[in-house]
C-alpha atoms as a PDB file:
ATOM      1  CA  UNK A   1       0.000   0.000   0.000  1.00  0.00           C
ATOM      2  CA  UNK A   2       1.256   3.462  -0.780  1.00  0.00           C
ATOM      3  CA  UNK A   3       1.375   5.774   2.241  1.00  0.00           C
ATOM      4  CA  UNK A   4       2.256   9.425   2.798  1.00  0.00           C
ATOM      5  CA  UNK A   5       3.174  11.335   5.937  1.00  0.00           C
ATOM      6  CA  UNK A   6       2.819  14.932   6.951  1.00  0.00           C
ATOM      7  CA  UNK A   7       6.061  16.754   7.705  1.00  0.00           C
ATOM      8  CA  UNK A   8       4.816  17.319  11.247  1.00  0.00           C
ATOM      9  CA  UNK A   9       4.673  13.542  11.794  1.00  0.00           C
ATOM     10  CA  UNK A  10       8.373  13.215  10.985  1.00  0.00           C
ATOM     11  CA  UNK A  11       9.164  16.093  13.341  1.00  0.00           C
ATOM     12  CA  UNK A  12       7.100  14.478  16.091  1.00  0.00           C
ATOM     13  CA  UNK A  13       8.998  11.209  15.677  1.00  0.00           C
ATOM     14  CA  UNK A  14      12.314  13.006  16.141  1.00  0.00           C
ATOM     15  CA  UNK A  15      11.202  14.131  19.603  1.00  0.00           C
ATOM     16  CA  UNK A  16      10.435  10.609  20.820  1.00  0.00           C
ATOM     17  CA  UNK A  17      13.270   9.259  22.952  1.00  0.00           C
ATOM     18  CA  UNK A  18      11.686   5.899  23.811  1.00  0.00           C
ATOM     19  CA  UNK A  19      13.387   3.413  21.467  1.00  0.00           C
ATOM     20  CA  UNK A  20      10.765   0.735  22.069  1.00  0.00           C
ATOM     21  CA  UNK A  21       7.987   3.107  21.019  1.00  0.00           C
ATOM     22  CA  UNK A  22       9.912   4.091  17.881  1.00  0.00           C
ATOM     23  CA  UNK A  23      10.326   0.419  16.980  1.00  0.00           C
ATOM     24  CA  UNK A  24       6.593  -0.131  17.420  1.00  0.00           C
ATOM     25  CA  UNK A  25       5.823   2.830  15.157  1.00  0.00           C
ATOM     26  CA  UNK A  26       8.255   1.491  12.567  1.00  0.00           C
ATOM     27  CA  UNK A  27       6.623  -1.949  12.707  1.00  0.00           C
ATOM     28  CA  UNK A  28       3.154  -0.478  12.213  1.00  0.00           C
ATOM     29  CA  UNK A  29       4.355   1.573   9.241  1.00  0.00           C
ATOM     30  CA  UNK A  30       5.924  -1.525   7.673  1.00  0.00           C
ATOM     31  CA  UNK A  31       2.717  -3.519   8.217  1.00  0.00           C
ATOM     32  CA  UNK A  32       0.687  -0.832   6.474  1.00  0.00           C
ATOM     33  CA  UNK A  33       3.147  -0.668   3.565  1.00  0.00           C
ATOM     34  CA  UNK A  34       2.951  -4.433   3.101  1.00  0.00           C
ATOM     35  CA  UNK A  35      -0.854  -4.532   3.214  1.00  0.00           C
ATOM     36  CA  UNK A  36      -2.584  -4.946  -0.120  1.00  0.00           C
ATOM     37  CA  UNK A  37      -5.749  -3.178   1.047  1.00  0.00           C
ATOM     38  CA  UNK A  38      -6.863  -1.269   4.106  1.00  0.00           C
ATOM     39  CA  UNK A  39      -8.951  -4.284   5.129  1.00  0.00           C
ATOM     40  CA  UNK A  40      -5.804  -6.379   5.601  1.00  0.00           C
ATOM     41  CA  UNK A  41      -4.159  -4.007   8.103  1.00  0.00           C
ATOM     42  CA  UNK A  42      -4.113  -5.732  11.488  1.00  0.00           C
ATOM     43  CA  UNK A  43      -5.537  -3.918  14.494  1.00  0.00           C
ATOM     44  CA  UNK A  44      -7.242  -1.211  12.460  1.00  0.00           C
ATOM     45  CA  UNK A  45     -10.417   0.226  13.966  1.00  0.00           C
ATOM     46  CA  UNK A  46     -13.064   2.373  12.377  1.00  0.00           C
ATOM     47  CA  UNK A  47     -13.012   5.966  13.601  1.00  0.00           C
ATOM     48  CA  UNK A  48     -16.024   7.215  15.493  1.00  0.00           C
ATOM     49  CA  UNK A  49     -17.385  10.703  15.778  1.00  0.00           C
ATOM     50  CA  UNK A  50     -18.212  13.349  13.254  1.00  0.00           C
END
């Protein structure tokens, strides 16, 4: 799957010092990239609200 990030997301990641959290974020990004469709992304929940 093709994904895009806002520049602010990259800046936010630079401020995270917890290496375990950064590894988890990296793993999630890789899982999304490997997914063929949004339905195959594990742990994805439908947003609620407006």
